[in-house]
Structure formats: C-alpha cells, structure tokens
Amino acid sequence: MPPVALHRLHDETLDLENLSAYNLYLTAGAAGLRVGVADVRRNKFVALEDYAAPDGAMPLAGQVQALAAEHELVGRTGWNRVLLAVQNRHFTLLPASLFRPGDEATYLRLHHATDPQRESVHHYTHTGLEISSVFAAERGLAEWFRATYPEGRLVHHTSTLLEGVAHQNEQGNARRIYLSIGHQEVTLVAMRDKQPEFCNVFPFSTPEDLIYYTILVMQELQLNPDQDLVTVWGDLMHDSELFTILRKYIRNIRFGNRPYDLSYSYRLNDVFEYRYFELYALHLC
C-alpha cells in the first residue's frame, strides 16, 4: 500500500524531461515521506509533496519503494543532486577535527545500540560549522537509496536543521533556541553567533512533555522563558495544543520562516512558511 498524499504542489515550470536542471530532496521518518525539487539555476523550490505513513508498521524502505513504483519523480535518475534526510533520535555530533572515517559505529555506540540487522551507520561533515554528524538509518532504506542514487547523499535531519538555522539572517551573538516539532518528537537547537551549542531530539506524547523538555533545556543553558526568543518550526498549527502550551510558558515565541537566500514557487504558498523547514534546508547541505 503506497503512502497517502497530503500535499502535491508543483510549479508549472517544472520540466520532467530535463531532470539534470534540478535537485531532488527527500525526508523519511515516522510521519512519512516528503519530497522537494529545487531548480538549480534559479535557486528555487518548484515542487513539494508530503505523504503520510500508511496504517501499520511498514518500514521506510517499503514506503519509499511503494511510492517510487508509481511516482513521476521519486526513483527516477538523472538529477543534478539527490539528498535524503532520515528522521530519528539515533545520532551524535562531534568536532570535525576528532572524526576518523571507519570509527562511526564506535562514536554512535555511546548514544545508541545499533542493530546491524536493521540499521546501518553513516556520517556527514558540516564544513562551515566544523562538526561531524554520525547517525543510524534503516538499513533497507539506505540500501535502496544507495542502489537508486549511487552519487546521492544521506544525512540526518538534525544536519539539515543546523544548516538551516546557521543560514538564518539574524544579527548579534546572543544564544537563541530553536524547536522543530515532528511526529511525537521535538528537536531542540541552541545557537550562538551561528555556531551550535546544543542539539538533541526528545520524544513526547503530550503537550506537557513538550514544554517540559523545552523549559529544561532553557534552564540548563541559563535562558529565561520570559525574555529569550524561541523560534518554532514543524508540524503544528497556530491553534494547536502544542503551540498553546508553548505560548503559555514562553513569552517571546515565534514561528520561523523558510530558509533565506532561496526562492519558492507561489504554489508553495498553500502551506505555512514554518512547515517543511528541514526539507527546504537540504538545499544548504
């Protein structure tokens, strides 16, 4: 059973006969699959698609294969670049100067017990931020991606979030907190002068869990919920319980924008600007 389409937004300029002029971006996680296409020359997103995970525990590999079997974009080759971001809590960050290729499993073992039958370990180095990300991905998904797009790049969703936040047009060196809310998990990032100081993913099942982790991180970083700015992206609405409780306990809170320095088709105006940030930010990786 293929994933269920929630959004399929295409600009009329998207030319399916000239895929080399575009980058293909994919994200895969508990909420399902997301697809983005960016025009390389115009530095512009011209397509966005969102697919909910089908009922049942279908692996991500099965979802993406079912989608590719009948899709006009996913599974096709000839793109300029292809990147896939996996969304999970199984990652760690370390200074790039300390990273040694081949030791990925050792680094990750401190934070996550990898199951070699179901998972494979990967890495991505942020050259501008001078940090390396080591993460686990569903083995079947990684194997499908490697076979379909040998030159493609696999990253963790925290890497796209870090790159996107670092490219935000914000002045000053004050520490800032950023939240990205996904399916029953929230990624919290603290940045100072465009350099990451904290990044972690927390599970939550209630709005109270969400505000607990947010306030806990702010307190650990000596930030004041009554004064310091918190920026939010992700899968929530202005009138949702999640945003209501955030606004109740954090006075200076706002929804984030799409990544700067990129253009977006008017077709994408059908969705809120604070959604799909990690998908857009793949363009910055």
C-alpha atoms as a PDB file:
ATOM      1  CA  MET A   1       0.000   0.000   0.000  1.00  0.00           C
ATOM      2  CA  PRO A   2       1.623   3.321  -1.062  1.00  0.00           C
ATOM      3  CA  PRO A   3       1.827   6.326   1.299  1.00  0.00           C
ATOM      4  CA  VAL A   4      -1.146   8.703   1.306  1.00  0.00           C
ATOM      5  CA  ALA A   5      -0.605  12.101  -0.369  1.00  0.00           C
ATOM      6  CA  LEU A   6      -1.328  15.113   1.864  1.00  0.00           C
ATOM      7  CA  HIS A   7       0.166  17.751  -0.443  1.00  0.00           C
ATOM      8  CA  ARG A   8       1.322  17.640  -4.085  1.00  0.00           C
ATOM      9  CA  LEU A   9       2.362  21.152  -5.085  1.00  0.00           C
ATOM     10  CA  HIS A  10       4.136  21.616  -8.437  1.00  0.00           C
ATOM     11  CA  ASP A  11       5.132  24.784 -10.251  1.00  0.00           C
ATOM     12  CA  GLU A  12       4.138  24.746 -13.905  1.00  0.00           C
ATOM     13  CA  THR A  13       7.774  25.437 -14.890  1.00  0.00           C
ATOM     14  CA  LEU A  14       8.929  22.024 -13.604  1.00  0.00           C
ATOM     15  CA  ASP A  15      10.273  20.211 -16.666  1.00  0.00           C
ATOM     16  CA  LEU A  16      10.242  16.445 -16.158  1.00  0.00           C
ATOM     17  CA  GLU A  17      12.208  15.982 -19.396  1.00  0.00           C
ATOM     18  CA  ASN A  18      15.204  17.896 -18.017  1.00  0.00           C
ATOM     19  CA  LEU A  19      15.884  16.464 -14.548  1.00  0.00           C
ATOM     20  CA  SER A  20      19.559  17.462 -14.676  1.00  0.00           C
ATOM     21  CA  ALA A  21      18.442  21.052 -14.069  1.00  0.00           C
ATOM     22  CA  TYR A  22      17.014  20.124 -10.645  1.00  0.00           C
ATOM     23  CA  ASN A  23      17.961  18.773  -7.236  1.00  0.00           C
ATOM     24  CA  LEU A  24      15.766  16.122  -5.621  1.00  0.00           C
ATOM     25  CA  TYR A  25      15.335  16.247  -1.841  1.00  0.00           C
ATOM     26  CA  LEU A  26      13.701  13.558   0.315  1.00  0.00           C
ATOM     27  CA  THR A  27      12.967  13.178   4.014  1.00  0.00           C
ATOM     28  CA  ALA A  28      11.842   9.930   5.640  1.00  0.00           C
ATOM     29  CA  GLY A  29      10.640   9.408   9.187  1.00  0.00           C
ATOM     30  CA  ALA A  30       7.816   8.298  11.442  1.00  0.00           C
ATOM     31  CA  ALA A  31       5.402  10.829   9.911  1.00  0.00           C
ATOM     32  CA  GLY A  32       6.033   9.544   6.391  1.00  0.00           C
ATOM     33  CA  LEU A  33       7.870  10.782   3.308  1.00  0.00           C
ATOM     34  CA  ARG A  34       8.413  14.275   1.925  1.00  0.00           C
ATOM     35  CA  VAL A  35       9.670  15.264  -1.496  1.00  0.00           C
ATOM     36  CA  GLY A  36      11.113  18.561  -2.708  1.00  0.00           C
ATOM     37  CA  VAL A  37      12.513  19.695  -6.047  1.00  0.00           C
ATOM     38  CA  ALA A  38      14.712  22.780  -6.486  1.00  0.00           C
ATOM     39  CA  ASP A  39      15.620  24.472  -9.750  1.00  0.00           C
ATOM     40  CA  VAL A  40      19.436  24.741  -9.638  1.00  0.00           C
ATOM     41  CA  ARG A  41      19.861  27.780 -11.883  1.00  0.00           C
ATOM     42  CA  ARG A  42      17.107  29.804 -10.230  1.00  0.00           C
ATOM     43  CA  ASN A  43      17.857  28.539  -6.708  1.00  0.00           C
ATOM     44  CA  LYS A  44      14.132  27.982  -6.356  1.00  0.00           C
ATOM     45  CA  PHE A  45      11.885  25.271  -4.935  1.00  0.00           C
ATOM     46  CA  VAL A  46       9.408  24.282  -7.612  1.00  0.00           C
ATOM     47  CA  ALA A  47       7.775  21.217  -6.031  1.00  0.00           C
ATOM     48  CA  LEU A  48       6.773  19.971  -2.592  1.00  0.00           C
ATOM     49  CA  GLU A  49       4.984  16.736  -1.741  1.00  0.00           C
ATOM     50  CA  ASP A  50       4.013  15.285   1.633  1.00  0.00           C
ATOM     51  CA  TYR A  51       2.999  11.636   2.137  1.00  0.00           C
ATOM     52  CA  ALA A  52       1.618  10.245   5.388  1.00  0.00           C
ATOM     53  CA  ALA A  53       2.824   6.850   6.520  1.00  0.00           C
ATOM     54  CA  PRO A  54       0.229   4.134   5.788  1.00  0.00           C
ATOM     55  CA  ASP A  55      -1.512   2.341   8.624  1.00  0.00           C
ATOM     56  CA  GLY A  56       0.578  -0.432  10.080  1.00  0.00           C
ATOM     57  CA  ALA A  57       4.287  -0.748  10.704  1.00  0.00           C
ATOM     58  CA  MET A  58       5.548  -0.615   7.109  1.00  0.00           C
ATOM     59  CA  PRO A  59       9.315   0.013   7.084  1.00  0.00           C
ATOM     60  CA  LEU A  60      10.531   3.220   5.460  1.00  0.00           C
ATOM     61  CA  ALA A  61      12.151   1.175   2.702  1.00  0.00           C
ATOM     62  CA  GLY A  62       8.786  -0.342   1.851  1.00  0.00           C
ATOM     63  CA  GLN A  63       7.126   3.076   1.840  1.00  0.00           C
ATOM     64  CA  VAL A  64       9.652   4.684  -0.482  1.00  0.00           C
ATOM     65  CA  GLN A  65       9.685   1.674  -2.821  1.00  0.00           C
ATOM     66  CA  ALA A  66       5.873   1.695  -2.998  1.00  0.00           C
ATOM     67  CA  LEU A  67       5.964   5.412  -3.771  1.00  0.00           C
ATOM     68  CA  ALA A  68       8.730   5.084  -6.365  1.00  0.00           C
ATOM     69  CA  ALA A  69       6.831   2.324  -8.179  1.00  0.00           C
ATOM     70  CA  GLU A  70       4.187   4.790  -9.321  1.00  0.00           C
ATOM     71  CA  HIS A  71       5.826   8.201  -8.917  1.00  0.00           C
ATOM     72  CA  GLU A  72       6.960  10.639 -11.611  1.00  0.00           C
ATOM     73  CA  LEU A  73       9.900  11.952  -9.540  1.00  0.00           C
ATOM     74  CA  VAL A  74      10.996   9.506  -6.840  1.00  0.00           C
ATOM     75  CA  GLY A  75      13.079   6.654  -8.212  1.00  0.00           C
ATOM     76  CA  ARG A  76      13.926   8.444 -11.453  1.00  0.00           C
ATOM     77  CA  THR A  77      17.574   9.129 -12.214  1.00  0.00           C
ATOM     78  CA  GLY A  78      19.365  11.979 -13.967  1.00  0.00           C
ATOM     79  CA  TRP A  79      19.029  14.626 -11.246  1.00  0.00           C
ATOM     80  CA  ASN A  80      21.750  17.202 -10.633  1.00  0.00           C
ATOM     81  CA  ARG A  81      21.925  16.203  -6.942  1.00  0.00           C
ATOM     82  CA  VAL A  82      19.895  13.942  -4.645  1.00  0.00           C
ATOM     83  CA  LEU A  83      19.824  14.144  -0.843  1.00  0.00           C
ATOM     84  CA  LEU A  84      17.828  12.113   1.670  1.00  0.00           C
ATOM     85  CA  ALA A  85      17.420  13.119   5.325  1.00  0.00           C
ATOM     86  CA  VAL A  86      16.434  10.402   7.809  1.00  0.00           C
ATOM     87  CA  GLN A  87      14.439  11.453  10.869  1.00  0.00           C
ATOM     88  CA  ASN A  88      15.152   9.601  14.115  1.00  0.00           C
ATOM     89  CA  ARG A  89      16.826  10.038  17.512  1.00  0.00           C
ATOM     90  CA  HIS A  90      19.853   7.878  16.715  1.00  0.00           C
ATOM     91  CA  PHE A  91      22.675  10.357  16.136  1.00  0.00           C
ATOM     92  CA  THR A  92      25.630  12.111  17.740  1.00  0.00           C
ATOM     93  CA  LEU A  93      27.689  15.188  16.904  1.00  0.00           C
ATOM     94  CA  LEU A  94      31.415  15.676  17.430  1.00  0.00           C
ATOM     95  CA  PRO A  95      34.067  18.192  16.360  1.00  0.00           C
ATOM     96  CA  ALA A  96      35.084  17.519  12.775  1.00  0.00           C
ATOM     97  CA  SER A  97      38.754  17.546  13.807  1.00  0.00           C
ATOM     98  CA  LEU A  98      38.145  14.491  16.025  1.00  0.00           C
ATOM     99  CA  PHE A  99      36.203  12.466  13.447  1.00  0.00           C
ATOM    100  CA  ARG A 100      38.012   9.468  11.927  1.00  0.00           C
ATOM    101  CA  PRO A 101      36.390   7.609   8.996  1.00  0.00           C
ATOM    102  CA  GLY A 102      35.749   3.987   9.934  1.00  0.00           C
ATOM    103  CA  ASP A 103      35.017   4.739  13.592  1.00  0.00           C
ATOM    104  CA  GLU A 104      31.396   5.753  13.059  1.00  0.00           C
ATOM    105  CA  ALA A 105      29.933   2.758  14.906  1.00  0.00           C
ATOM    106  CA  THR A 106      32.201   3.415  17.892  1.00  0.00           C
ATOM    107  CA  TYR A 107      31.104   7.039  18.163  1.00  0.00           C
ATOM    108  CA  LEU A 108      27.430   6.169  17.890  1.00  0.00           C
ATOM    109  CA  ARG A 109      27.645   3.297  20.391  1.00  0.00           C
ATOM    110  CA  LEU A 110      27.909   5.828  23.218  1.00  0.00           C
ATOM    111  CA  HIS A 111      24.404   7.067  22.423  1.00  0.00           C
ATOM    112  CA  HIS A 112      22.602   4.284  20.565  1.00  0.00           C
ATOM    113  CA  ALA A 113      22.862   0.484  20.454  1.00  0.00           C
ATOM    114  CA  THR A 114      22.765  -0.165  16.717  1.00  0.00           C
ATOM    115  CA  ASP A 115      21.076  -3.306  15.416  1.00  0.00           C
ATOM    116  CA  PRO A 116      23.253  -4.353  12.427  1.00  0.00           C
ATOM    117  CA  GLN A 117      20.407  -6.454  11.024  1.00  0.00           C
ATOM    118  CA  ARG A 118      18.091  -3.466  10.726  1.00  0.00           C
ATOM    119  CA  GLU A 119      20.370  -0.414  10.741  1.00  0.00           C
ATOM    120  CA  SER A 120      23.478   0.941   9.077  1.00  0.00           C
ATOM    121  CA  VAL A 121      25.696   3.780  10.314  1.00  0.00           C
ATOM    122  CA  HIS A 122      26.569   6.881   8.279  1.00  0.00           C
ATOM    123  CA  HIS A 123      28.214  10.264   8.687  1.00  0.00           C
ATOM    124  CA  TYR A 124      28.053  13.791   7.323  1.00  0.00           C
ATOM    125  CA  THR A 125      30.545  16.601   7.969  1.00  0.00           C
ATOM    126  CA  HIS A 126      29.408  20.226   8.184  1.00  0.00           C
ATOM    127  CA  THR A 127      32.363  22.093   6.696  1.00  0.00           C
ATOM    128  CA  GLY A 128      31.141  25.551   7.703  1.00  0.00           C
ATOM    129  CA  LEU A 129      30.208  24.509  11.246  1.00  0.00           C
ATOM    130  CA  GLU A 130      33.254  22.254  11.724  1.00  0.00           C
ATOM    131  CA  ILE A 131      31.219  19.408  13.183  1.00  0.00           C
ATOM    132  CA  SER A 132      30.545  15.844  12.050  1.00  0.00           C
ATOM    133  CA  SER A 133      27.252  14.017  12.420  1.00  0.00           C
ATOM    134  CA  VAL A 134      27.177  10.251  12.916  1.00  0.00           C
ATOM    135  CA  PHE A 135      23.794   8.573  12.667  1.00  0.00           C
ATOM    136  CA  ALA A 136      21.911   5.325  12.122  1.00  0.00           C
ATOM    137  CA  ALA A 137      19.474   4.771   9.269  1.00  0.00           C
ATOM    138  CA  GLU A 138      17.092   1.958   8.471  1.00  0.00           C
ATOM    139  CA  ARG A 139      19.254  -0.496   6.520  1.00  0.00           C
ATOM    140  CA  GLY A 140      16.667  -1.210   3.846  1.00  0.00           C
ATOM    141  CA  LEU A 141      16.128   2.478   3.205  1.00  0.00           C
ATOM    142  CA  ALA A 142      19.853   3.195   2.976  1.00  0.00           C
ATOM    143  CA  GLU A 143      20.370   0.264   0.600  1.00  0.00           C
ATOM    144  CA  TRP A 144      17.521   1.400  -1.653  1.00  0.00           C
ATOM    145  CA  PHE A 145      18.945   4.923  -1.729  1.00  0.00           C
ATOM    146  CA  ARG A 146      22.487   3.743  -2.490  1.00  0.00           C
ATOM    147  CA  ALA A 147      21.272   1.456  -5.272  1.00  0.00           C
ATOM    148  CA  THR A 148      18.979   4.062  -6.827  1.00  0.00           C
ATOM    149  CA  TYR A 149      21.215   7.109  -6.378  1.00  0.00           C
ATOM    150  CA  PRO A 150      24.868   5.991  -6.053  1.00  0.00           C
ATOM    151  CA  GLU A 151      26.055   9.613  -6.039  1.00  0.00           C
ATOM    152  CA  GLY A 152      23.331  10.759  -3.622  1.00  0.00           C
ATOM    153  CA  ARG A 153      23.964  11.954  -0.090  1.00  0.00           C
ATOM    154  CA  LEU A 154      22.369  10.555   3.066  1.00  0.00           C
ATOM    155  CA  VAL A 155      22.149  12.913   6.068  1.00  0.00           C
ATOM    156  CA  HIS A 156      20.393  13.124   9.426  1.00  0.00           C
ATOM    157  CA  HIS A 157      17.507  15.553   9.873  1.00  0.00           C
ATOM    158  CA  THR A 158      19.430  17.409  12.587  1.00  0.00           C
ATOM    159  CA  SER A 159      22.061  18.285   9.975  1.00  0.00           C
ATOM    160  CA  THR A 160      19.510  19.991   7.758  1.00  0.00           C
ATOM    161  CA  LEU A 161      18.110  21.840  10.773  1.00  0.00           C
ATOM    162  CA  LEU A 162      21.574  23.012  11.856  1.00  0.00           C
ATOM    163  CA  GLU A 163      22.428  24.222   8.367  1.00  0.00           C
ATOM    164  CA  GLY A 164      19.103  25.990   8.038  1.00  0.00           C
ATOM    165  CA  VAL A 165      19.426  27.732  11.399  1.00  0.00           C
ATOM    166  CA  ALA A 166      23.023  28.767  10.693  1.00  0.00           C
ATOM    167  CA  HIS A 167      21.859  30.455   7.480  1.00  0.00           C
ATOM    168  CA  GLN A 168      19.125  32.467   9.197  1.00  0.00           C
ATOM    169  CA  ASN A 169      19.569  36.217   8.789  1.00  0.00           C
ATOM    170  CA  GLU A 170      19.907  37.066  12.489  1.00  0.00           C
ATOM    171  CA  GLN A 171      22.268  39.614  13.993  1.00  0.00           C
ATOM    172  CA  GLY A 172      24.138  39.583  17.295  1.00  0.00           C
ATOM    173  CA  ASN A 173      25.830  36.858  19.298  1.00  0.00           C
ATOM    174  CA  ALA A 174      23.063  36.122  21.806  1.00  0.00           C
ATOM    175  CA  ARG A 175      22.262  32.463  22.319  1.00  0.00           C
ATOM    176  CA  ARG A 176      18.971  31.501  20.666  1.00  0.00           C
ATOM    177  CA  ILE A 177      16.736  28.456  20.972  1.00  0.00           C
ATOM    178  CA  TYR A 178      15.082  26.746  18.003  1.00  0.00           C
ATOM    179  CA  LEU A 179      12.444  23.986  18.049  1.00  0.00           C
ATOM    180  CA  SER A 180      11.470  21.684  15.224  1.00  0.00           C
ATOM    181  CA  ILE A 181       8.397  19.640  16.072  1.00  0.00           C
ATOM    182  CA  GLY A 182       7.836  16.331  14.314  1.00  0.00           C
ATOM    183  CA  HIS A 183       5.763  13.209  14.932  1.00  0.00           C
ATOM    184  CA  GLN A 184       5.929  12.715  18.725  1.00  0.00           C
ATOM    185  CA  GLU A 185       9.422  14.172  18.936  1.00  0.00           C
ATOM    186  CA  VAL A 186      10.998  17.612  19.125  1.00  0.00           C
ATOM    187  CA  THR A 187      14.476  18.661  18.058  1.00  0.00           C
ATOM    188  CA  LEU A 188      15.962  21.468  20.157  1.00  0.00           C
ATOM    189  CA  VAL A 189      18.924  23.513  18.933  1.00  0.00           C
ATOM    190  CA  ALA A 190      20.809  26.311  20.675  1.00  0.00           C
ATOM    191  CA  MET A 191      22.990  28.572  18.557  1.00  0.00           C
ATOM    192  CA  ARG A 192      25.267  31.450  19.434  1.00  0.00           C
ATOM    193  CA  ASP A 193      26.776  33.594  16.678  1.00  0.00           C
ATOM    194  CA  LYS A 194      25.705  30.957  14.104  1.00  0.00           C
ATOM    195  CA  GLN A 195      27.591  28.175  15.930  1.00  0.00           C
ATOM    196  CA  PRO A 196      25.705  25.257  17.549  1.00  0.00           C
ATOM    197  CA  GLU A 197      25.993  24.865  21.317  1.00  0.00           C
ATOM    198  CA  PHE A 198      23.267  22.249  21.853  1.00  0.00           C
ATOM    199  CA  CYS A 199      21.327  19.814  19.685  1.00  0.00           C
ATOM    200  CA  ASN A 200      19.173  16.909  20.801  1.00  0.00           C
ATOM    201  CA  VAL A 201      15.936  15.113  19.955  1.00  0.00           C
ATOM    202  CA  PHE A 202      13.371  14.354  22.669  1.00  0.00           C
ATOM    203  CA  PRO A 203      10.296  12.105  22.455  1.00  0.00           C
ATOM    204  CA  PHE A 204       6.974  13.442  23.660  1.00  0.00           C
ATOM    205  CA  SER A 205       3.415  12.136  23.777  1.00  0.00           C
ATOM    206  CA  THR A 206       1.642  15.094  25.418  1.00  0.00           C
ATOM    207  CA  PRO A 207       1.911  18.908  25.222  1.00  0.00           C
ATOM    208  CA  GLU A 208       3.170  18.794  28.819  1.00  0.00           C
ATOM    209  CA  ASP A 209       6.121  16.625  27.720  1.00  0.00           C
ATOM    210  CA  LEU A 210       6.965  19.150  25.018  1.00  0.00           C
ATOM    211  CA  ILE A 211       7.057  22.146  27.340  1.00  0.00           C
ATOM    212  CA  TYR A 212       8.938  20.149  29.975  1.00  0.00           C
ATOM    213  CA  TYR A 213      11.865  19.404  27.659  1.00  0.00           C
ATOM    214  CA  THR A 214      11.852  22.924  26.242  1.00  0.00           C
ATOM    215  CA  ILE A 215      11.990  24.601  29.652  1.00  0.00           C
ATOM    216  CA  LEU A 216      14.534  22.043  30.902  1.00  0.00           C
ATOM    217  CA  VAL A 217      16.935  22.843  28.062  1.00  0.00           C
ATOM    218  CA  MET A 218      16.454  26.587  28.535  1.00  0.00           C
ATOM    219  CA  GLN A 219      17.189  26.283  32.249  1.00  0.00           C
ATOM    220  CA  GLU A 220      20.304  24.182  31.617  1.00  0.00           C
ATOM    221  CA  LEU A 221      21.535  26.878  29.230  1.00  0.00           C
ATOM    222  CA  GLN A 222      20.593  29.644  31.697  1.00  0.00           C
ATOM    223  CA  LEU A 223      17.981  31.129  29.382  1.00  0.00           C
ATOM    224  CA  ASN A 224      14.872  32.915  30.608  1.00  0.00           C
ATOM    225  CA  PRO A 225      11.483  31.750  29.216  1.00  0.00           C
ATOM    226  CA  ASP A 226      10.111  35.238  29.959  1.00  0.00           C
ATOM    227  CA  GLN A 227      12.761  37.039  27.915  1.00  0.00           C
ATOM    228  CA  ASP A 228      14.767  34.917  25.490  1.00  0.00           C
ATOM    229  CA  LEU A 229      13.490  34.299  21.979  1.00  0.00           C
ATOM    230  CA  VAL A 230      12.333  30.824  20.924  1.00  0.00           C
ATOM    231  CA  THR A 231      11.697  30.049  17.242  1.00  0.00           C
ATOM    232  CA  VAL A 232       9.436  27.154  16.236  1.00  0.00           C
ATOM    233  CA  TRP A 233       9.122  25.155  13.020  1.00  0.00           C
ATOM    234  CA  GLY A 234       7.320  21.935  12.271  1.00  0.00           C
ATOM    235  CA  ASP A 235       4.078  20.033  12.253  1.00  0.00           C
ATOM    236  CA  LEU A 236       1.713  22.121  14.355  1.00  0.00           C
ATOM    237  CA  MET A 237      -0.939  24.781  13.896  1.00  0.00           C
ATOM    238  CA  HIS A 238      -1.397  28.230  15.423  1.00  0.00           C
ATOM    239  CA  ASP A 239      -4.371  26.969  17.436  1.00  0.00           C
ATOM    240  CA  SER A 240      -2.952  23.558  18.363  1.00  0.00           C
ATOM    241  CA  GLU A 241      -2.489  22.390  21.942  1.00  0.00           C
ATOM    242  CA  LEU A 242       1.261  22.229  21.350  1.00  0.00           C
ATOM    243  CA  PHE A 243       1.595  25.876  20.376  1.00  0.00           C
ATOM    244  CA  THR A 244      -0.881  26.954  23.076  1.00  0.00           C
ATOM    245  CA  ILE A 245       1.216  25.444  25.860  1.00  0.00           C
ATOM    246  CA  LEU A 246       4.444  26.814  24.373  1.00  0.00           C
ATOM    247  CA  ARG A 247       2.942  30.293  24.245  1.00  0.00           C
ATOM    248  CA  LYS A 248       1.652  29.922  27.820  1.00  0.00           C
ATOM    249  CA  TYR A 249       5.082  29.284  29.317  1.00  0.00           C
ATOM    250  CA  ILE A 250       7.360  31.132  26.862  1.00  0.00           C
ATOM    251  CA  ARG A 251       6.624  34.808  26.441  1.00  0.00           C
ATOM    252  CA  ASN A 252       8.897  35.542  23.460  1.00  0.00           C
ATOM    253  CA  ILE A 253       7.990  32.821  20.964  1.00  0.00           C
ATOM    254  CA  ARG A 254       7.528  32.999  17.206  1.00  0.00           C
ATOM    255  CA  PHE A 255       7.087  30.777  14.169  1.00  0.00           C
ATOM    256  CA  GLY A 256      10.170  30.523  11.960  1.00  0.00           C
ATOM    257  CA  ASN A 257      10.498  31.410   8.285  1.00  0.00           C
ATOM    258  CA  ARG A 258      11.637  29.310   5.371  1.00  0.00           C
ATOM    259  CA  PRO A 259      15.419  29.303   4.808  1.00  0.00           C
ATOM    260  CA  TYR A 260      16.678  32.602   3.475  1.00  0.00           C
ATOM    261  CA  ASP A 261      18.591  33.011   0.191  1.00  0.00           C
ATOM    262  CA  LEU A 262      16.213  30.634  -1.596  1.00  0.00           C
ATOM    263  CA  SER A 263      13.169  31.293  -3.768  1.00  0.00           C
ATOM    264  CA  TYR A 264       9.882  29.420  -3.599  1.00  0.00           C
ATOM    265  CA  SER A 265       7.164  28.855  -6.154  1.00  0.00           C
ATOM    266  CA  TYR A 266       3.896  30.608  -5.443  1.00  0.00           C
ATOM    267  CA  ARG A 267       2.363  27.116  -5.382  1.00  0.00           C
ATOM    268  CA  LEU A 268       4.050  26.544  -2.023  1.00  0.00           C
ATOM    269  CA  ASN A 269       2.073  29.421  -0.504  1.00  0.00           C
ATOM    270  CA  ASP A 270      -0.637  26.838   0.179  1.00  0.00           C
ATOM    271  CA  VAL A 271       1.355  25.677   3.223  1.00  0.00           C
ATOM    272  CA  PHE A 272       2.556  27.665   6.233  1.00  0.00           C
ATOM    273  CA  GLU A 273       6.101  29.033   5.941  1.00  0.00           C
ATOM    274  CA  TYR A 274       7.176  27.398   9.205  1.00  0.00           C
ATOM    275  CA  ARG A 275       6.481  23.902   7.869  1.00  0.00           C
ATOM    276  CA  TYR A 276       8.936  21.656   5.944  1.00  0.00           C
ATOM    277  CA  PHE A 277      11.983  23.614   7.139  1.00  0.00           C
ATOM    278  CA  GLU A 278      14.265  20.546   7.153  1.00  0.00           C
ATOM    279  CA  LEU A 279      13.204  19.623   3.621  1.00  0.00           C
ATOM    280  CA  TYR A 280      13.994  23.112   2.308  1.00  0.00           C
ATOM    281  CA  ALA A 281      17.257  23.253   4.270  1.00  0.00           C
ATOM    282  CA  LEU A 282      18.566  20.179   2.433  1.00  0.00           C
ATOM    283  CA  HIS A 283      19.402  22.700  -0.294  1.00  0.00           C
ATOM    284  CA  LEU A 284      22.008  24.152   2.087  1.00  0.00           C
ATOM    285  CA  CYS A 285      23.745  20.832   2.825  1.00  0.00           C
END
